[in-house]
Protein backbone atom coordinates (compact mmCIF):
# COMPACT_ATOMS: atom_id res chain seq x y z
CA UNK A 1 55.16 -13.72 -27.77
CA UNK A 2 54.69 -10.24 -29.25
CA UNK A 3 51.67 -8.26 -30.36
CA UNK A 4 49.32 -9.02 -27.45
CA UNK A 5 46.50 -6.52 -27.10
CA UNK A 6 44.70 -5.46 -23.92
CA UNK A 7 41.04 -4.60 -24.53
CA UNK A 8 38.93 -3.08 -21.71
CA UNK A 9 35.25 -4.09 -21.47
CA UNK A 10 32.37 -3.62 -19.03
CA UNK A 11 30.12 -6.64 -18.62
CA UNK A 12 27.47 -7.47 -16.01
CA UNK A 13 28.56 -4.55 -13.85
CA UNK A 14 32.25 -5.50 -13.82
CA UNK A 15 35.24 -4.05 -15.59
CA UNK A 16 37.40 -6.64 -17.35
CA UNK A 17 40.59 -6.32 -19.34
CA UNK A 18 40.94 -8.99 -22.02
CA UNK A 19 44.37 -10.02 -23.32
CA UNK A 20 44.06 -11.05 -26.95
CA UNK A 21 46.28 -12.45 -29.69
CA UNK A 22 46.69 -10.42 -32.91
CA UNK A 23 44.01 -12.61 -34.56
CA UNK A 24 41.50 -11.71 -31.82
CA UNK A 25 41.56 -14.93 -29.78
CA UNK A 26 41.52 -14.48 -26.00
CA UNK A 27 44.42 -15.61 -23.85
CA UNK A 28 43.19 -14.28 -20.50
CA UNK A 29 41.15 -11.64 -18.74
CA UNK A 30 41.79 -9.51 -15.68
CA UNK A 31 38.86 -8.86 -13.32
CA UNK A 32 39.63 -5.70 -11.34
CA UNK A 33 36.96 -6.36 -8.71
CA UNK A 34 38.36 -9.75 -7.70
CA UNK A 35 42.01 -8.86 -8.53
CA UNK A 36 42.26 -12.08 -10.51
CA UNK A 37 43.87 -12.89 -13.86
CA UNK A 38 42.03 -15.80 -15.48
CA UNK A 39 44.31 -17.69 -17.89
CA UNK A 40 42.91 -19.70 -20.77
CA UNK A 41 46.41 -20.85 -21.71
CA UNK A 42 48.68 -21.29 -18.70
CA UNK A 43 51.83 -21.69 -20.83
CA UNK A 44 51.64 -17.95 -21.67
CA UNK A 45 51.39 -16.64 -18.10
CA UNK A 46 54.55 -14.50 -18.29
CA UNK A 47 53.53 -12.82 -21.56
CA UNK A 48 50.02 -12.12 -20.26
CA UNK A 49 51.26 -10.56 -17.02
CA UNK A 50 53.75 -8.46 -18.98
CA UNK A 51 50.97 -7.12 -21.22
CA UNK A 52 48.77 -6.37 -18.19
CA UNK A 53 51.62 -4.80 -16.23
CA UNK A 54 50.61 -1.15 -16.81
CA UNK A 55 47.04 -1.92 -15.68
CA UNK A 56 47.70 -3.89 -12.48
CA UNK A 57 47.29 -1.82 -9.31
CA UNK A 58 48.40 -4.38 -6.74
CA UNK A 59 48.81 -8.10 -6.03
CA UNK A 60 46.71 -10.41 -8.20
CA UNK A 61 45.73 -14.06 -8.19
CA UNK A 62 46.60 -15.94 -11.37
CA UNK A 63 44.98 -19.19 -12.48
CA UNK A 64 42.43 -20.87 -14.75
CA UNK A 65 38.89 -19.46 -14.88
CA UNK A 66 36.71 -20.53 -11.93
CA UNK A 67 34.03 -23.15 -12.44
CA UNK A 68 30.77 -21.41 -13.47
CA UNK A 69 28.08 -21.13 -10.82
CA UNK A 70 24.56 -22.42 -11.55
CA UNK A 71 23.45 -18.81 -12.12
CA UNK A 72 26.25 -18.25 -14.65
CA UNK A 73 25.40 -21.48 -16.46
CA UNK A 74 21.75 -20.40 -16.67
CA UNK A 75 22.84 -17.06 -18.12
CA UNK A 76 25.05 -18.74 -20.72
CA UNK A 77 22.16 -21.00 -21.76
CA UNK A 78 19.78 -18.05 -22.18
CA UNK A 79 18.86 -17.17 -25.77
CA UNK A 80 19.91 -13.57 -26.59
CA UNK A 81 16.35 -12.65 -27.58
CA UNK A 82 15.13 -13.69 -24.12
CA UNK A 83 17.84 -11.88 -22.15
CA UNK A 84 16.53 -8.67 -20.56
CA UNK A 85 19.89 -7.66 -19.06
CA UNK A 86 20.98 -5.59 -22.11
CA UNK A 87 17.81 -3.45 -21.89
CA UNK A 88 18.59 0.24 -21.56
CA UNK A 89 16.66 2.44 -19.11
CA UNK A 90 13.42 3.31 -20.90
CA UNK A 91 13.96 0.62 -23.56
CA UNK A 92 10.26 0.33 -24.38
CA UNK A 93 9.92 4.10 -24.76
CA UNK A 94 13.02 4.29 -26.96
CA UNK A 95 11.50 1.68 -29.27
CA UNK A 96 8.15 3.46 -29.27
CA UNK A 97 9.72 6.80 -30.20
CA UNK A 98 11.85 5.20 -32.90
CA UNK A 99 8.78 3.62 -34.50
CA UNK A 100 6.55 6.67 -34.12
CA UNK A 101 8.43 9.89 -33.34
CA UNK A 102 5.22 11.91 -33.67
CA UNK A 103 4.81 15.28 -35.40
CA UNK A 104 7.86 17.50 -35.71
CA UNK A 105 5.99 20.38 -34.09
CA UNK A 106 3.75 19.88 -31.10
CA UNK A 107 1.76 22.30 -28.98
CA UNK A 108 2.75 20.29 -25.91
CA UNK A 109 5.82 18.14 -25.21
CA UNK A 110 5.46 14.46 -26.01
CA UNK A 111 4.72 12.77 -22.65
CA UNK A 112 6.81 9.78 -23.75
CA UNK A 113 9.93 11.94 -23.81
CA UNK A 114 9.29 13.17 -20.29
CA UNK A 115 8.74 9.62 -19.10
CA UNK A 116 11.94 8.57 -20.88
CA UNK A 117 13.91 11.33 -19.17
CA UNK A 118 12.66 10.11 -15.78
CA UNK A 119 13.50 6.46 -16.48
CA UNK A 120 16.95 7.36 -17.75
CA UNK A 121 17.72 9.44 -14.67
CA UNK A 122 16.66 6.66 -12.31
CA UNK A 123 18.14 3.84 -14.42
CA UNK A 124 21.56 5.46 -14.65
CA UNK A 125 21.63 6.02 -10.89
CA UNK A 126 20.68 2.38 -10.23
CA UNK A 127 23.27 1.08 -12.70
CA UNK A 128 25.98 2.79 -10.68
CA UNK A 129 25.07 0.52 -7.75
CA UNK A 130 26.44 -2.53 -9.58
CA UNK A 131 29.82 -2.06 -7.93
CA UNK A 132 28.13 -2.51 -4.54
CA UNK A 133 26.80 -5.97 -5.34
CA UNK A 134 23.43 -4.88 -6.76
CA UNK A 135 21.93 -5.77 -10.15
CA UNK A 136 19.35 -3.71 -12.06
CA UNK A 137 17.09 -4.78 -14.92
CA UNK A 138 15.22 -2.16 -16.95
CA UNK A 139 11.92 -2.02 -18.80
CA UNK A 140 10.68 -5.51 -17.94
CA UNK A 141 7.67 -6.37 -20.13
CA UNK A 142 4.56 -7.78 -18.49
CA UNK A 143 1.54 -9.45 -20.10
CA UNK A 144 -1.07 -6.97 -21.22
CA UNK A 145 1.40 -4.29 -22.28
CA UNK A 146 2.43 -3.16 -18.79
CA UNK A 147 6.03 -3.12 -17.64
CA UNK A 148 8.23 -2.66 -14.61
CA UNK A 149 10.46 0.38 -15.09
CA UNK A 150 13.37 -1.00 -13.03
CA UNK A 151 13.96 -4.10 -10.91
CA UNK A 152 16.72 -3.75 -8.31
CA UNK A 153 18.20 -6.93 -6.78
CA UNK A 154 20.85 -6.88 -4.08
CA UNK A 155 21.85 -7.53 -0.47
CA UNK A 156 18.92 -5.48 0.82
CA UNK A 157 16.31 -7.42 -1.16
CA UNK A 158 14.29 -6.77 -4.29
CA UNK A 159 12.62 -3.51 -5.34
CA UNK A 160 10.26 -2.71 -8.20
CA UNK A 161 11.12 0.92 -8.96
CA UNK A 162 8.66 3.19 -10.78
CA UNK A 163 10.08 6.45 -12.15
CA UNK A 164 7.76 9.46 -12.41
CA UNK A 165 8.61 12.75 -14.12
CA UNK A 166 8.03 15.64 -11.72
CA UNK A 167 10.49 18.28 -12.86
CA UNK A 168 10.07 21.65 -11.08
CA UNK A 169 6.78 20.58 -9.52
CA UNK A 170 5.44 20.35 -5.99
CA UNK A 171 4.09 16.87 -5.39
CA UNK A 172 1.62 15.70 -2.76
CA UNK A 173 1.43 11.98 -2.04
CA UNK A 174 -1.81 11.07 -0.26
CA UNK A 175 -2.25 7.31 -0.60
CA UNK A 176 -3.32 6.17 -3.15
CA UNK A 177 -3.37 9.53 -4.96
CA UNK A 178 -0.58 11.75 -6.22
CA UNK A 179 -1.13 15.41 -7.10
CA UNK A 180 1.18 17.68 -9.09
CA UNK A 181 0.73 21.30 -8.04
CA UNK A 182 -2.90 22.24 -8.45
CA UNK A 183 -3.72 19.45 -10.89
CA UNK A 184 -6.30 16.83 -9.96
CA UNK A 185 -4.74 13.88 -8.08
CA UNK A 186 -4.45 10.48 -9.75
CA UNK A 187 -4.46 7.07 -7.95
CA UNK A 188 -1.00 6.07 -9.16
CA UNK A 189 0.09 4.14 -6.06
CA UNK A 190 -2.33 1.33 -6.96
CA UNK A 191 -0.24 0.75 -10.11
CA UNK A 192 3.08 0.92 -8.24
CA UNK A 193 1.92 -1.72 -5.75
CA UNK A 194 0.47 -3.90 -8.52
CA UNK A 195 3.81 -3.93 -10.38
CA UNK A 196 5.63 -5.11 -7.27
CA UNK A 197 2.96 -7.76 -6.64
CA UNK A 198 3.35 -9.13 -10.15
CA UNK A 199 7.12 -9.24 -9.74
CA UNK A 200 6.72 -11.10 -6.43
CA UNK A 201 4.49 -13.65 -8.12
CA UNK A 202 6.87 -14.16 -11.05
CA UNK A 203 9.99 -14.52 -8.89
CA UNK A 204 8.34 -16.21 -5.88
CA UNK A 205 10.12 -13.72 -3.64
CA UNK A 206 9.16 -10.53 -1.82
CA UNK A 207 9.50 -7.47 -4.06
CA UNK A 208 8.94 -4.09 -2.45
CA UNK A 209 7.44 -1.16 -4.40
CA UNK A 210 9.33 2.12 -4.76
CA UNK A 211 8.15 5.36 -6.37
CA UNK A 212 10.83 7.84 -7.46
CA UNK A 213 9.77 11.43 -8.14
CA UNK A 214 12.34 12.78 -10.60
CA UNK A 215 13.13 16.47 -10.40
CA UNK A 216 10.45 17.40 -7.86
CA UNK A 217 11.01 20.72 -6.08
CA UNK A 218 9.08 19.64 -2.96
CA UNK A 219 7.31 16.48 -1.82
CA UNK A 220 4.55 16.49 0.79
CA UNK A 221 3.44 13.20 2.36
CA UNK A 222 0.69 13.71 4.99
CA UNK A 223 1.00 10.07 6.11
CA UNK A 224 3.32 7.27 4.94
CA UNK A 225 1.82 5.28 2.07
CA UNK A 226 1.01 1.63 2.68
CA UNK A 227 4.01 -0.51 1.64
CA UNK A 228 5.28 1.97 -1.00
CA UNK A 229 8.52 3.80 -0.41
CA UNK A 230 8.57 7.31 -1.95
CA UNK A 231 11.92 8.87 -2.87
CA UNK A 232 13.33 11.63 -5.03
CA UNK A 233 16.12 10.77 -7.48
CA UNK A 234 18.98 12.16 -5.31
CA UNK A 235 17.89 9.78 -2.51
CA UNK A 236 18.14 6.54 -4.51
CA UNK A 237 21.33 5.42 -2.77
CA UNK A 238 19.25 5.02 0.40
CA UNK A 239 17.83 1.81 -1.06
CA UNK A 240 21.20 0.09 -0.66
CA UNK A 241 21.65 0.81 3.04
CA UNK A 242 19.65 -2.16 4.36
CA UNK A 243 21.64 -5.37 4.07
CA UNK A 244 21.68 -8.96 5.19
CA UNK A 245 18.46 -9.93 3.39
CA UNK A 246 20.00 -11.83 0.46
CA UNK A 247 23.27 -13.72 0.20
CA UNK A 248 25.46 -13.29 -2.92
CA UNK A 249 24.42 -16.70 -4.29
CA UNK A 250 20.72 -15.79 -3.85
CA UNK A 251 21.26 -12.45 -5.61
CA UNK A 252 22.89 -14.13 -8.60
CA UNK A 253 20.20 -16.80 -8.77
CA UNK A 254 17.34 -14.27 -8.66
CA UNK A 255 19.08 -12.10 -11.24
CA UNK A 256 19.46 -15.10 -13.55
CA UNK A 257 15.74 -15.86 -13.27
CA UNK A 258 14.61 -12.23 -13.57
CA UNK A 259 16.63 -11.52 -16.72
CA UNK A 260 14.85 -14.36 -18.58
CA UNK A 261 11.95 -12.90 -20.57
CA UNK A 262 9.96 -16.15 -20.25
CA UNK A 263 9.83 -15.67 -16.48
CA UNK A 264 7.48 -12.73 -17.00
CA UNK A 265 5.24 -14.24 -19.65
């Protein structure tokens, strides 16, 4: 068989190489993470492996696709409009700015753009954790117009992550208040804890609150805040160090529930 095409894709945190016929129909896909070639038509195994030859980096397992797990079946049954997984970091802010970009000239920067920069920085860092068995959902809408900036699910548990723009500022965290430089402090930690509490209620699982100060030059914490973990954006990888809290099947099941918009309504 001639004319097979190999098309790389990135789905659900995994890189896959699809082997397609000239008319676009799939014959197989190669999952690099599991080193497995999943054949949809076993009578074309030799042609598929020949097409994938330049991309294989070692021994692979070849066979039919595995039976879907309950979490995968739930994902497949989810209506696209209700699936939160495709949300980009700062999705709600991107939509807001597209609908109302504001005046072309402003005396002060649009605070939405600063908030978007913070959410993008944190979201992109969390997305890179997918290869370590973690899943991240962004901009989860809550009743009343609130939202969770990022929800991180993985072996170390669940975290509701709130991103806060603090570029080139000295920040003092004195529970429940946060002060930027000489500005008056604001009781932001109440909100961070409330978001985690609402996530815990929706998912019936413990969700721990995390505040990430993006771009801060210095952070002063006189005493550790109650329950809330405070990090700067370069320290985000520290969230993945604890392990043994959730098994892979639990992670997939919680991710399947969390990505469903109706879970949060």
